[in-house]
């Protein structure tokens, strides 16, 4: 596995994680799950609060150029992208209801729409927002925003591009969400505060048992 840093004109950059190992067999479609539920021999890429199973999608990280902090995890294909970020939540809390209202308001402010619909992960938002391309062209960007709640954490996943409208093309993106594990940690955090992400140790997949051994060293 190699890391390649992609510079842009924006105040963030994308680090691409190139996976040289064979994708692992996907787990049962019951996720995303809490990291405590992972089998100790499960293979994943440790990104801090998110543990990502290797897939055929390209794994990239959006990084703040000024601070070097990882902002979000991206899974990319030729005609689509999945962006994922986890947040702290109170036990028994429902951040997703509040987040949906915020997304709908933001979409309307940008001249777009946000419509609630039922998807494989429950209630989600289908959004269409006008955007400007790199060459100045105007087009409408479709996206599906998915919210998943776990023990004291909330995952927001956005699928944009063709997989937002093509169910068959969306399958590997949805599987990437299902196979994800979230590591909340024991730190006291306010609801809605982003859980920390990091570049993978030595940029390689590892098992839960290996990660635990490294943490103990």
N, C-alpha and C. Protein backbone atom coordinates (compact mmCIF):
# COMPACT_ATOMS: atom_id res chain seq x y z
N UNK A 1 0.85 -1.19 0.00
CA UNK A 1 0.00 0.00 0.00
C UNK A 1 0.88 1.24 0.00
N UNK A 2 0.50 2.23 -0.79
CA UNK A 2 1.27 3.46 -0.87
C UNK A 2 0.35 4.64 -0.62
N UNK A 3 0.91 5.74 -0.18
CA UNK A 3 0.16 6.98 -0.02
C UNK A 3 0.62 7.95 -1.08
N UNK A 4 -0.32 8.58 -1.76
CA UNK A 4 0.02 9.63 -2.70
C UNK A 4 -0.76 10.87 -2.32
N UNK A 5 -0.10 12.01 -2.25
CA UNK A 5 -0.72 13.25 -1.81
C UNK A 5 -1.10 14.06 -3.03
N UNK A 6 -2.37 14.40 -3.14
CA UNK A 6 -2.88 15.15 -4.29
C UNK A 6 -3.15 16.59 -3.88
N UNK A 7 -2.42 17.53 -4.44
CA UNK A 7 -2.60 18.94 -4.12
C UNK A 7 -3.69 19.55 -4.99
N UNK A 8 -4.45 20.46 -4.44
CA UNK A 8 -5.48 21.18 -5.16
C UNK A 8 -5.36 22.65 -4.85
N UNK A 9 -6.18 23.44 -5.53
CA UNK A 9 -6.20 24.88 -5.26
C UNK A 9 -7.04 25.20 -4.04
N UNK A 10 -7.77 24.22 -3.52
CA UNK A 10 -8.59 24.44 -2.34
C UNK A 10 -7.73 24.31 -1.09
N UNK A 11 -8.24 24.79 0.08
CA UNK A 11 -7.44 24.70 1.31
C UNK A 11 -7.40 23.30 1.90
N UNK A 12 -7.76 22.31 1.10
CA UNK A 12 -7.62 20.93 1.53
C UNK A 12 -6.93 20.16 0.43
N UNK A 13 -6.43 19.00 0.77
CA UNK A 13 -5.85 18.12 -0.23
C UNK A 13 -6.38 16.74 0.00
N UNK A 14 -6.23 15.89 -1.00
CA UNK A 14 -6.71 14.52 -0.92
C UNK A 14 -5.51 13.60 -0.97
N UNK A 15 -5.41 12.72 0.02
CA UNK A 15 -4.37 11.71 0.04
C UNK A 15 -5.00 10.41 -0.42
N UNK A 16 -4.44 9.82 -1.46
CA UNK A 16 -4.98 8.58 -1.99
C UNK A 16 -4.25 7.41 -1.35
N UNK A 17 -5.00 6.47 -0.83
CA UNK A 17 -4.43 5.27 -0.26
C UNK A 17 -4.55 4.17 -1.30
N UNK A 18 -3.43 3.73 -1.85
CA UNK A 18 -3.43 2.72 -2.90
C UNK A 18 -3.25 1.36 -2.25
N UNK A 19 -4.25 0.52 -2.36
CA UNK A 19 -4.27 -0.75 -1.66
C UNK A 19 -3.72 -1.84 -2.56
N UNK A 20 -2.64 -2.48 -2.13
CA UNK A 20 -2.00 -3.53 -2.92
C UNK A 20 -2.41 -4.93 -2.46
N UNK A 21 -3.39 -5.06 -1.59
CA UNK A 21 -3.82 -6.37 -1.12
C UNK A 21 -5.15 -6.72 -1.75
N UNK A 22 -5.46 -8.00 -1.76
CA UNK A 22 -6.73 -8.45 -2.28
C UNK A 22 -7.86 -7.99 -1.35
N UNK A 23 -8.99 -7.51 -1.91
CA UNK A 23 -10.10 -7.10 -1.05
C UNK A 23 -10.56 -8.24 -0.16
N UNK A 24 -10.90 -7.91 1.08
CA UNK A 24 -11.39 -8.91 2.01
C UNK A 24 -12.83 -9.24 1.70
N UNK A 25 -13.26 -10.44 2.06
CA UNK A 25 -14.66 -10.82 1.88
C UNK A 25 -15.52 -9.93 2.76
N UNK A 26 -16.61 -9.35 2.20
CA UNK A 26 -17.44 -8.43 2.99
C UNK A 26 -18.15 -9.16 4.11
N UNK A 27 -18.35 -8.48 5.26
CA UNK A 27 -19.08 -9.10 6.37
C UNK A 27 -20.57 -9.13 6.09
N UNK A 28 -21.31 -9.73 6.97
CA UNK A 28 -22.76 -9.75 6.83
C UNK A 28 -23.29 -8.33 6.76
N UNK A 29 -24.31 -8.06 5.91
CA UNK A 29 -24.80 -6.70 5.70
C UNK A 29 -25.59 -6.16 6.87
N UNK A 30 -24.94 -6.02 8.02
CA UNK A 30 -25.62 -5.53 9.22
C UNK A 30 -24.99 -4.25 9.74
N UNK A 31 -24.05 -3.70 8.99
CA UNK A 31 -23.31 -2.54 9.48
C UNK A 31 -23.87 -1.23 8.99
N UNK A 32 -23.15 -0.15 9.31
CA UNK A 32 -21.87 -0.14 10.01
C UNK A 32 -22.00 -0.59 11.46
N UNK A 33 -20.88 -1.05 12.03
CA UNK A 33 -20.91 -1.58 13.38
C UNK A 33 -19.95 -0.80 14.27
N UNK A 34 -20.08 -1.01 15.56
CA UNK A 34 -19.12 -0.45 16.49
C UNK A 34 -17.85 -1.29 16.45
N UNK A 35 -16.69 -0.63 16.63
CA UNK A 35 -15.42 -1.34 16.54
C UNK A 35 -15.34 -2.49 17.54
N UNK A 36 -16.05 -2.39 18.65
CA UNK A 36 -16.02 -3.45 19.65
C UNK A 36 -16.66 -4.74 19.15
N UNK A 37 -17.43 -4.66 18.06
CA UNK A 37 -18.11 -5.83 17.53
C UNK A 37 -17.29 -6.57 16.48
N UNK A 38 -16.14 -6.03 16.09
CA UNK A 38 -15.32 -6.66 15.07
C UNK A 38 -14.68 -7.94 15.58
N UNK A 39 -14.58 -8.94 14.72
CA UNK A 39 -13.77 -10.12 15.03
C UNK A 39 -12.31 -9.70 15.07
N UNK A 40 -11.54 -10.34 15.93
CA UNK A 40 -10.14 -9.95 16.09
C UNK A 40 -9.29 -10.25 14.86
N UNK A 41 -9.77 -11.14 13.98
CA UNK A 41 -9.02 -11.44 12.76
C UNK A 41 -9.57 -10.68 11.56
N UNK A 42 -10.49 -9.75 11.79
CA UNK A 42 -11.02 -8.94 10.69
C UNK A 42 -9.93 -8.03 10.14
N UNK A 43 -9.82 -7.95 8.81
CA UNK A 43 -8.80 -7.13 8.16
C UNK A 43 -9.41 -5.77 7.82
N UNK A 44 -8.72 -4.71 8.16
CA UNK A 44 -9.23 -3.37 7.90
C UNK A 44 -8.07 -2.39 7.78
N UNK A 45 -8.38 -1.19 7.33
CA UNK A 45 -7.43 -0.09 7.30
C UNK A 45 -7.82 0.85 8.43
N UNK A 46 -6.91 1.05 9.37
CA UNK A 46 -7.19 1.81 10.59
C UNK A 46 -6.99 3.31 10.32
N UNK A 47 -8.10 4.04 10.31
CA UNK A 47 -8.06 5.49 10.08
C UNK A 47 -8.48 6.26 11.33
N UNK A 48 -8.31 5.64 12.49
CA UNK A 48 -8.67 6.29 13.74
C UNK A 48 -10.09 5.96 14.12
N UNK A 49 -11.00 6.90 13.92
CA UNK A 49 -12.39 6.67 14.29
C UNK A 49 -13.13 5.80 13.28
N UNK A 50 -12.57 5.60 12.10
CA UNK A 50 -13.18 4.75 11.08
C UNK A 50 -12.23 3.62 10.72
N UNK A 51 -12.74 2.40 10.73
CA UNK A 51 -12.00 1.21 10.33
C UNK A 51 -12.63 0.73 9.02
N UNK A 52 -11.85 0.78 7.94
CA UNK A 52 -12.38 0.58 6.60
C UNK A 52 -11.92 -0.76 6.05
N UNK A 53 -12.86 -1.56 5.56
CA UNK A 53 -12.52 -2.82 4.91
C UNK A 53 -11.95 -2.51 3.53
N UNK A 54 -10.87 -3.21 3.10
CA UNK A 54 -10.38 -3.04 1.73
C UNK A 54 -11.46 -3.43 0.73
N UNK A 55 -11.63 -2.63 -0.32
CA UNK A 55 -12.61 -2.90 -1.37
C UNK A 55 -11.98 -2.59 -2.71
N UNK A 56 -12.77 -2.77 -3.77
CA UNK A 56 -12.30 -2.43 -5.11
C UNK A 56 -12.38 -0.93 -5.38
N UNK A 57 -13.03 -0.17 -4.50
CA UNK A 57 -13.07 1.28 -4.65
C UNK A 57 -11.74 1.89 -4.21
N UNK A 58 -11.38 3.03 -4.79
CA UNK A 58 -10.17 3.73 -4.38
C UNK A 58 -10.41 4.45 -3.07
N UNK A 59 -9.53 4.25 -2.11
CA UNK A 59 -9.63 4.90 -0.81
C UNK A 59 -8.76 6.14 -0.79
N UNK A 60 -9.37 7.28 -0.47
CA UNK A 60 -8.64 8.54 -0.40
C UNK A 60 -9.05 9.28 0.88
N UNK A 61 -8.19 10.17 1.32
CA UNK A 61 -8.45 10.94 2.52
C UNK A 61 -8.39 12.43 2.18
N UNK A 62 -9.42 13.16 2.61
CA UNK A 62 -9.40 14.61 2.44
C UNK A 62 -8.66 15.21 3.63
N UNK A 63 -7.59 15.96 3.35
CA UNK A 63 -6.70 16.45 4.39
C UNK A 63 -6.63 17.97 4.34
N UNK A 64 -6.71 18.61 5.51
CA UNK A 64 -6.53 20.05 5.61
C UNK A 64 -5.06 20.38 5.39
N UNK A 65 -4.75 21.19 4.38
CA UNK A 65 -3.36 21.49 4.04
C UNK A 65 -2.64 22.26 5.13
N UNK A 66 -3.36 23.10 5.85
CA UNK A 66 -2.71 23.94 6.86
C UNK A 66 -2.39 23.15 8.13
N UNK A 67 -3.31 22.30 8.57
CA UNK A 67 -3.12 21.59 9.83
C UNK A 67 -2.65 20.16 9.65
N UNK A 68 -2.85 19.60 8.45
CA UNK A 68 -2.50 18.21 8.21
C UNK A 68 -3.50 17.23 8.78
N UNK A 69 -4.60 17.71 9.35
CA UNK A 69 -5.61 16.82 9.93
C UNK A 69 -6.48 16.23 8.82
N UNK A 70 -6.89 14.99 9.03
CA UNK A 70 -7.76 14.31 8.08
C UNK A 70 -9.20 14.75 8.32
N UNK A 71 -9.87 15.20 7.27
CA UNK A 71 -11.23 15.74 7.41
C UNK A 71 -12.30 14.69 7.14
N UNK A 72 -12.08 13.84 6.15
CA UNK A 72 -13.08 12.84 5.83
C UNK A 72 -12.44 11.71 5.04
N UNK A 73 -13.17 10.60 4.95
CA UNK A 73 -12.73 9.42 4.20
C UNK A 73 -13.54 9.35 2.91
N UNK A 74 -12.86 9.14 1.79
CA UNK A 74 -13.50 9.09 0.50
C UNK A 74 -13.29 7.73 -0.14
N UNK A 75 -14.34 7.17 -0.73
CA UNK A 75 -14.25 5.95 -1.54
C UNK A 75 -14.69 6.35 -2.95
N UNK A 76 -13.81 6.13 -3.92
CA UNK A 76 -13.99 6.75 -5.23
C UNK A 76 -14.01 5.70 -6.35
N UNK A 77 -14.92 5.89 -7.31
CA UNK A 77 -14.94 5.13 -8.55
C UNK A 77 -15.02 6.14 -9.69
N UNK A 78 -15.03 5.66 -10.92
CA UNK A 78 -14.97 6.55 -12.08
C UNK A 78 -16.14 7.53 -12.12
N UNK A 79 -17.34 7.08 -11.73
CA UNK A 79 -18.52 7.94 -11.86
C UNK A 79 -19.22 8.20 -10.53
N UNK A 80 -18.52 8.02 -9.43
CA UNK A 80 -19.17 8.26 -8.15
C UNK A 80 -18.18 8.37 -7.02
N UNK A 81 -18.67 8.88 -5.91
CA UNK A 81 -17.82 9.06 -4.73
C UNK A 81 -18.66 8.88 -3.47
N UNK A 82 -18.04 8.31 -2.45
CA UNK A 82 -18.65 8.16 -1.14
C UNK A 82 -17.78 8.90 -0.14
N UNK A 83 -18.38 9.82 0.62
CA UNK A 83 -17.67 10.55 1.66
C UNK A 83 -18.24 10.15 3.01
N UNK A 84 -17.36 9.84 3.99
CA UNK A 84 -17.81 9.38 5.29
C UNK A 84 -17.10 10.13 6.41
N UNK A 85 -17.85 10.43 7.47
CA UNK A 85 -17.30 11.07 8.65
C UNK A 85 -18.15 10.68 9.85
N UNK A 86 -17.51 10.41 10.97
CA UNK A 86 -18.23 10.02 12.19
C UNK A 86 -18.18 11.15 13.21
N UNK A 87 -19.22 11.21 14.05
CA UNK A 87 -19.35 12.27 15.04
C UNK A 87 -19.75 11.66 16.39
N UNK A 88 -19.41 12.37 17.44
CA UNK A 88 -19.84 11.95 18.77
C UNK A 88 -21.35 12.18 18.90
N UNK A 89 -21.99 11.31 19.67
CA UNK A 89 -23.42 11.44 19.92
C UNK A 89 -23.68 11.03 21.36
N UNK A 90 -24.74 11.56 21.93
CA UNK A 90 -25.12 11.14 23.28
C UNK A 90 -25.77 9.77 23.22
N UNK A 91 -25.68 9.03 24.30
CA UNK A 91 -26.29 7.70 24.33
C UNK A 91 -27.80 7.83 24.16
N UNK A 92 -28.32 7.16 23.16
CA UNK A 92 -29.75 7.23 22.89
C UNK A 92 -30.15 8.48 22.11
N UNK A 93 -29.16 9.30 21.68
CA UNK A 93 -29.47 10.52 20.95
C UNK A 93 -29.84 10.24 19.51
N UNK A 94 -30.41 11.24 18.84
CA UNK A 94 -30.82 11.12 17.44
C UNK A 94 -30.34 12.34 16.67
N UNK A 95 -29.04 12.37 16.38
CA UNK A 95 -28.49 13.48 15.61
C UNK A 95 -29.02 13.52 14.19
N UNK A 96 -29.38 12.37 13.65
CA UNK A 96 -29.76 12.30 12.25
C UNK A 96 -30.97 13.18 11.94
N UNK A 97 -31.92 13.26 12.84
CA UNK A 97 -33.09 14.12 12.60
C UNK A 97 -32.66 15.57 12.47
N UNK A 98 -31.77 16.03 13.34
CA UNK A 98 -31.29 17.41 13.27
C UNK A 98 -30.45 17.64 12.03
N UNK A 99 -29.59 16.66 11.70
CA UNK A 99 -28.71 16.81 10.53
C UNK A 99 -29.52 16.89 9.24
N UNK A 100 -30.59 16.11 9.16
CA UNK A 100 -31.43 16.17 7.95
C UNK A 100 -32.00 17.56 7.74
N UNK A 101 -32.45 18.17 8.83
CA UNK A 101 -33.00 19.53 8.70
C UNK A 101 -31.91 20.52 8.25
N UNK A 102 -30.71 20.36 8.78
CA UNK A 102 -29.61 21.26 8.39
C UNK A 102 -29.25 21.08 6.92
N UNK A 103 -29.20 19.84 6.46
CA UNK A 103 -28.87 19.58 5.06
C UNK A 103 -29.95 20.14 4.15
N UNK A 104 -31.21 19.94 4.51
CA UNK A 104 -32.31 20.46 3.69
C UNK A 104 -32.25 21.98 3.59
N UNK A 105 -31.96 22.64 4.72
CA UNK A 105 -31.87 24.10 4.70
C UNK A 105 -30.70 24.57 3.85
N UNK A 106 -29.56 23.88 3.95
CA UNK A 106 -28.38 24.25 3.16
C UNK A 106 -28.64 24.03 1.68
N UNK A 107 -29.30 22.93 1.32
CA UNK A 107 -29.61 22.67 -0.09
C UNK A 107 -30.52 23.74 -0.66
N UNK A 108 -31.54 24.14 0.11
CA UNK A 108 -32.45 25.18 -0.35
C UNK A 108 -31.73 26.51 -0.53
N UNK A 109 -30.82 26.83 0.40
CA UNK A 109 -30.07 28.08 0.30
C UNK A 109 -29.19 28.12 -0.95
N UNK A 110 -28.73 26.96 -1.38
CA UNK A 110 -27.88 26.88 -2.57
C UNK A 110 -28.69 26.70 -3.85
N UNK A 111 -30.01 26.80 -3.75
CA UNK A 111 -30.86 26.70 -4.92
C UNK A 111 -31.21 25.28 -5.31
N UNK A 112 -31.01 24.32 -4.39
CA UNK A 112 -31.30 22.94 -4.69
C UNK A 112 -32.46 22.40 -3.90
N UNK A 113 -32.60 21.08 -3.89
CA UNK A 113 -33.68 20.42 -3.19
C UNK A 113 -33.13 19.26 -2.36
N UNK A 114 -33.86 18.89 -1.33
CA UNK A 114 -33.52 17.73 -0.49
C UNK A 114 -34.82 17.04 -0.12
N UNK A 115 -34.95 15.78 -0.50
CA UNK A 115 -36.19 15.04 -0.30
C UNK A 115 -35.92 13.79 0.51
N UNK A 116 -36.71 13.56 1.55
CA UNK A 116 -36.56 12.35 2.35
C UNK A 116 -37.08 11.15 1.57
N UNK A 117 -36.36 10.03 1.67
CA UNK A 117 -36.78 8.78 1.05
C UNK A 117 -36.26 7.62 1.91
N UNK A 118 -36.84 6.45 1.72
CA UNK A 118 -36.40 5.27 2.44
C UNK A 118 -35.35 4.53 1.61
N UNK A 119 -34.24 4.19 2.25
CA UNK A 119 -33.17 3.46 1.59
C UNK A 119 -32.77 2.26 2.40
N UNK A 120 -31.71 1.58 2.00
CA UNK A 120 -31.29 0.37 2.72
C UNK A 120 -30.82 0.62 4.14
N UNK A 121 -30.52 1.87 4.49
CA UNK A 121 -30.07 2.20 5.84
C UNK A 121 -31.14 2.96 6.62
N UNK A 122 -32.36 2.98 6.09
CA UNK A 122 -33.44 3.72 6.74
C UNK A 122 -33.71 5.03 6.02
N UNK A 123 -34.20 6.01 6.75
CA UNK A 123 -34.51 7.31 6.15
C UNK A 123 -33.24 8.00 5.70
N UNK A 124 -33.22 8.43 4.45
CA UNK A 124 -32.08 9.16 3.91
C UNK A 124 -32.59 10.36 3.14
N UNK A 125 -31.66 11.20 2.71
CA UNK A 125 -32.01 12.38 1.92
C UNK A 125 -31.49 12.22 0.50
N UNK A 126 -32.34 12.51 -0.47
CA UNK A 126 -31.90 12.60 -1.86
C UNK A 126 -31.82 14.08 -2.20
N UNK A 127 -30.64 14.54 -2.57
CA UNK A 127 -30.41 15.97 -2.82
C UNK A 127 -30.02 16.21 -4.28
N UNK A 128 -30.46 17.33 -4.81
CA UNK A 128 -30.00 17.82 -6.10
C UNK A 128 -29.64 19.28 -5.92
N UNK A 129 -28.35 19.60 -6.14
CA UNK A 129 -27.84 20.94 -5.87
C UNK A 129 -27.05 21.42 -7.09
N UNK A 130 -27.31 22.63 -7.58
CA UNK A 130 -26.51 23.15 -8.69
C UNK A 130 -25.08 23.44 -8.26
N UNK A 131 -24.12 23.03 -9.09
CA UNK A 131 -22.71 23.24 -8.80
C UNK A 131 -22.00 23.73 -10.06
N UNK A 132 -20.82 24.27 -9.86
CA UNK A 132 -19.99 24.74 -10.97
C UNK A 132 -18.80 23.81 -11.12
N UNK A 133 -18.60 23.28 -12.33
CA UNK A 133 -17.50 22.37 -12.60
C UNK A 133 -16.18 23.09 -12.71
N UNK A 134 -15.08 22.33 -12.83
CA UNK A 134 -13.74 22.94 -12.89
C UNK A 134 -13.53 23.84 -14.09
N UNK A 135 -14.30 23.63 -15.15
CA UNK A 135 -14.18 24.47 -16.35
C UNK A 135 -15.26 25.54 -16.42
N UNK A 136 -15.96 25.75 -15.30
CA UNK A 136 -17.00 26.78 -15.27
C UNK A 136 -18.36 26.31 -15.72
N UNK A 137 -18.49 25.04 -16.09
CA UNK A 137 -19.79 24.55 -16.55
C UNK A 137 -20.73 24.37 -15.36
N UNK A 138 -22.01 24.60 -15.60
CA UNK A 138 -23.03 24.47 -14.57
C UNK A 138 -23.77 23.15 -14.74
N UNK A 139 -23.97 22.43 -13.64
CA UNK A 139 -24.73 21.19 -13.69
C UNK A 139 -25.32 20.92 -12.31
N UNK A 140 -26.23 19.97 -12.26
CA UNK A 140 -26.89 19.61 -11.01
C UNK A 140 -26.22 18.34 -10.46
N UNK A 141 -25.77 18.40 -9.21
CA UNK A 141 -25.10 17.27 -8.57
C UNK A 141 -26.10 16.48 -7.73
N UNK A 142 -26.39 15.22 -8.10
CA UNK A 142 -27.27 14.40 -7.26
C UNK A 142 -26.47 13.72 -6.15
N UNK A 143 -27.09 13.54 -5.02
CA UNK A 143 -26.42 12.84 -3.92
C UNK A 143 -27.46 12.22 -3.00
N UNK A 144 -27.03 11.17 -2.31
CA UNK A 144 -27.82 10.55 -1.25
C UNK A 144 -27.04 10.71 0.05
N UNK A 145 -27.69 11.22 1.07
CA UNK A 145 -27.04 11.38 2.37
C UNK A 145 -27.65 10.37 3.33
N UNK A 146 -26.78 9.54 3.90
CA UNK A 146 -27.19 8.44 4.77
C UNK A 146 -26.74 8.74 6.19
N UNK A 147 -27.58 8.46 7.15
CA UNK A 147 -27.22 8.63 8.55
C UNK A 147 -27.37 7.32 9.32
N UNK A 148 -26.34 6.95 10.07
CA UNK A 148 -26.37 5.72 10.86
C UNK A 148 -25.97 6.04 12.30
N UNK A 149 -26.73 5.55 13.25
CA UNK A 149 -26.49 5.82 14.66
C UNK A 149 -26.00 4.57 15.37
N UNK A 150 -24.92 4.72 16.14
CA UNK A 150 -24.38 3.63 16.93
C UNK A 150 -24.27 4.04 18.38
N UNK A 151 -23.57 3.24 19.21
CA UNK A 151 -23.42 3.58 20.63
C UNK A 151 -22.53 4.81 20.82
N UNK A 152 -23.16 5.95 21.06
CA UNK A 152 -22.50 7.23 21.30
C UNK A 152 -21.75 7.75 20.08
N UNK A 153 -22.16 7.31 18.89
CA UNK A 153 -21.59 7.86 17.67
C UNK A 153 -22.65 7.95 16.57
N UNK A 154 -22.37 8.81 15.61
CA UNK A 154 -23.25 9.00 14.46
C UNK A 154 -22.38 9.05 13.21
N UNK A 155 -22.75 8.30 12.20
CA UNK A 155 -22.03 8.28 10.93
C UNK A 155 -22.85 8.98 9.85
N UNK A 156 -22.20 9.90 9.17
CA UNK A 156 -22.82 10.56 8.01
C UNK A 156 -22.07 10.11 6.76
N UNK A 157 -22.80 9.53 5.80
CA UNK A 157 -22.21 9.05 4.55
C UNK A 157 -22.96 9.68 3.38
N UNK A 158 -22.21 10.26 2.46
CA UNK A 158 -22.81 10.91 1.29
C UNK A 158 -22.33 10.21 0.03
N UNK A 159 -23.27 9.70 -0.75
CA UNK A 159 -22.98 9.06 -2.03
C UNK A 159 -23.38 10.03 -3.13
N UNK A 160 -22.42 10.44 -3.97
CA UNK A 160 -22.69 11.46 -4.99
C UNK A 160 -22.32 10.94 -6.37
N UNK A 161 -22.99 11.53 -7.37
CA UNK A 161 -22.74 11.14 -8.75
C UNK A 161 -23.70 10.05 -9.20
N UNK A 162 -23.23 9.22 -10.10
CA UNK A 162 -24.08 8.17 -10.68
C UNK A 162 -24.70 7.25 -9.63
N UNK A 163 -23.96 6.82 -8.57
CA UNK A 163 -24.58 5.90 -7.62
C UNK A 163 -25.74 6.50 -6.83
N UNK A 164 -25.91 7.81 -6.86
CA UNK A 164 -27.05 8.44 -6.19
C UNK A 164 -28.35 8.15 -6.93
N UNK A 165 -28.23 7.76 -8.23
CA UNK A 165 -29.42 7.53 -9.05
C UNK A 165 -29.49 6.12 -9.63
N UNK A 166 -28.38 5.41 -9.62
CA UNK A 166 -28.29 4.08 -10.23
C UNK A 166 -28.08 3.06 -9.13
N UNK A 167 -29.12 2.28 -8.81
CA UNK A 167 -29.07 1.34 -7.70
C UNK A 167 -27.99 0.28 -7.90
N UNK A 168 -27.83 -0.21 -9.12
CA UNK A 168 -26.82 -1.24 -9.37
C UNK A 168 -25.42 -0.68 -9.19
N UNK A 169 -25.18 0.51 -9.70
CA UNK A 169 -23.86 1.14 -9.57
C UNK A 169 -23.57 1.50 -8.12
N UNK A 170 -24.63 1.71 -7.34
CA UNK A 170 -24.46 2.11 -5.93
C UNK A 170 -24.06 0.96 -5.03
N UNK A 171 -24.21 -0.28 -5.50
CA UNK A 171 -24.02 -1.45 -4.64
C UNK A 171 -22.67 -1.47 -3.92
N UNK A 172 -21.52 -1.27 -4.59
CA UNK A 172 -20.24 -1.30 -3.86
C UNK A 172 -20.07 -0.15 -2.88
N UNK A 173 -20.69 0.98 -3.16
CA UNK A 173 -20.62 2.11 -2.22
C UNK A 173 -21.42 1.79 -0.96
N UNK A 174 -22.61 1.21 -1.14
CA UNK A 174 -23.42 0.83 0.02
C UNK A 174 -22.72 -0.26 0.82
N UNK A 175 -22.06 -1.19 0.14
CA UNK A 175 -21.34 -2.25 0.84
C UNK A 175 -20.18 -1.68 1.66
N UNK A 176 -19.55 -0.62 1.14
CA UNK A 176 -18.46 0.02 1.89
C UNK A 176 -18.98 0.61 3.19
N UNK A 177 -20.20 1.14 3.17
CA UNK A 177 -20.80 1.67 4.40
C UNK A 177 -21.14 0.53 5.35
N UNK A 178 -21.72 -0.55 4.81
CA UNK A 178 -22.09 -1.69 5.66
C UNK A 178 -20.89 -2.32 6.35
N UNK A 179 -19.77 -2.38 5.65
CA UNK A 179 -18.59 -3.07 6.19
C UNK A 179 -17.75 -2.18 7.10
N UNK A 180 -18.15 -0.94 7.26
CA UNK A 180 -17.40 0.01 8.08
C UNK A 180 -17.58 -0.27 9.56
N UNK A 181 -16.55 0.03 10.35
CA UNK A 181 -16.65 0.00 11.81
C UNK A 181 -16.25 1.35 12.35
N UNK A 182 -16.94 1.81 13.39
CA UNK A 182 -16.68 3.12 14.00
C UNK A 182 -16.07 2.91 15.38
N UNK A 183 -14.95 3.60 15.64
CA UNK A 183 -14.29 3.55 16.95
C UNK A 183 -14.60 4.87 17.66
N UNK A 184 -15.45 4.83 18.66
CA UNK A 184 -15.88 6.05 19.36
C UNK A 184 -14.81 6.55 20.32
N UNK A 185 -14.15 5.64 21.04
CA UNK A 185 -13.22 6.07 22.08
C UNK A 185 -13.97 6.44 23.35
N UNK A 186 -13.23 6.65 24.42
CA UNK A 186 -13.84 6.94 25.71
C UNK A 186 -13.79 8.41 26.10
N UNK A 187 -13.24 9.26 25.23
CA UNK A 187 -13.12 10.67 25.57
C UNK A 187 -14.50 11.33 25.67
N UNK A 188 -14.62 12.27 26.60
CA UNK A 188 -15.84 13.07 26.70
C UNK A 188 -15.89 14.04 25.53
N UNK A 189 -16.94 13.98 24.73
CA UNK A 189 -17.08 14.84 23.56
C UNK A 189 -18.51 15.33 23.46
N UNK A 190 -18.67 16.54 22.99
CA UNK A 190 -20.00 17.09 22.81
C UNK A 190 -20.68 16.44 21.62
N UNK A 191 -22.00 16.22 21.69
CA UNK A 191 -22.71 15.67 20.54
C UNK A 191 -22.50 16.52 19.30
N UNK A 192 -22.18 15.87 18.19
CA UNK A 192 -21.92 16.57 16.94
C UNK A 192 -20.46 16.88 16.70
N UNK A 193 -19.59 16.66 17.71
CA UNK A 193 -18.16 16.91 17.53
C UNK A 193 -17.56 15.80 16.67
N UNK A 194 -16.78 16.15 15.63
CA UNK A 194 -16.20 15.11 14.76
C UNK A 194 -15.26 14.19 15.52
N UNK A 195 -15.37 12.91 15.28
CA UNK A 195 -14.42 11.96 15.83
C UNK A 195 -13.13 12.02 15.03
N UNK A 196 -11.97 11.93 15.69
CA UNK A 196 -10.70 12.16 14.99
C UNK A 196 -10.37 11.07 13.98
N UNK A 197 -9.85 11.51 12.83
CA UNK A 197 -9.35 10.61 11.80
C UNK A 197 -7.84 10.77 11.70
N UNK A 198 -7.18 9.78 11.12
CA UNK A 198 -5.73 9.84 10.98
C UNK A 198 -5.30 9.04 9.76
N UNK A 199 -4.09 9.31 9.29
CA UNK A 199 -3.52 8.49 8.24
C UNK A 199 -3.26 7.10 8.79
N UNK A 200 -3.41 6.06 7.96
CA UNK A 200 -3.25 4.70 8.46
C UNK A 200 -1.81 4.41 8.88
N UNK A 201 -1.59 3.70 10.01
CA UNK A 201 -0.24 3.36 10.44
C UNK A 201 0.48 2.55 9.38
N UNK A 202 1.62 3.03 8.95
CA UNK A 202 2.44 2.37 7.95
C UNK A 202 1.69 2.14 6.65
N UNK A 203 0.53 2.78 6.51
CA UNK A 203 -0.28 2.69 5.29
C UNK A 203 -0.51 1.25 4.86
N UNK A 204 -0.94 0.40 5.77
CA UNK A 204 -1.18 -1.00 5.43
C UNK A 204 -2.42 -1.51 6.18
N UNK A 205 -3.12 -2.48 5.55
CA UNK A 205 -4.22 -3.12 6.27
C UNK A 205 -3.69 -3.93 7.43
N UNK A 206 -4.48 -4.08 8.49
CA UNK A 206 -4.06 -4.88 9.62
C UNK A 206 -5.29 -5.46 10.31
N UNK A 207 -5.07 -6.48 11.12
CA UNK A 207 -6.17 -7.10 11.83
C UNK A 207 -6.43 -6.34 13.12
N UNK A 208 -7.57 -6.60 13.72
CA UNK A 208 -7.90 -5.99 15.00
C UNK A 208 -6.86 -6.37 16.05
N UNK A 209 -6.43 -7.64 16.03
CA UNK A 209 -5.44 -8.10 17.01
C UNK A 209 -4.10 -7.38 16.83
N UNK A 210 -3.68 -7.17 15.58
CA UNK A 210 -2.42 -6.46 15.33
C UNK A 210 -2.51 -5.02 15.81
N UNK A 211 -3.66 -4.36 15.57
CA UNK A 211 -3.82 -2.98 16.02
C UNK A 211 -3.77 -2.88 17.54
N UNK A 212 -4.38 -3.84 18.22
CA UNK A 212 -4.37 -3.84 19.67
C UNK A 212 -2.95 -4.02 20.19
N UNK A 213 -2.15 -4.87 19.53
CA UNK A 213 -0.78 -5.11 19.95
C UNK A 213 0.05 -3.86 19.75
N UNK A 214 -0.14 -3.15 18.62
CA UNK A 214 0.59 -1.92 18.37
C UNK A 214 0.25 -0.86 19.39
N UNK A 215 -1.05 -0.78 19.74
CA UNK A 215 -1.47 0.23 20.72
C UNK A 215 -0.88 -0.03 22.10
N UNK A 216 -0.60 -1.31 22.41
CA UNK A 216 -0.07 -1.66 23.71
C UNK A 216 1.43 -1.42 23.82
N UNK A 217 2.12 -1.31 22.66
CA UNK A 217 3.57 -1.09 22.66
C UNK A 217 3.93 0.32 23.11
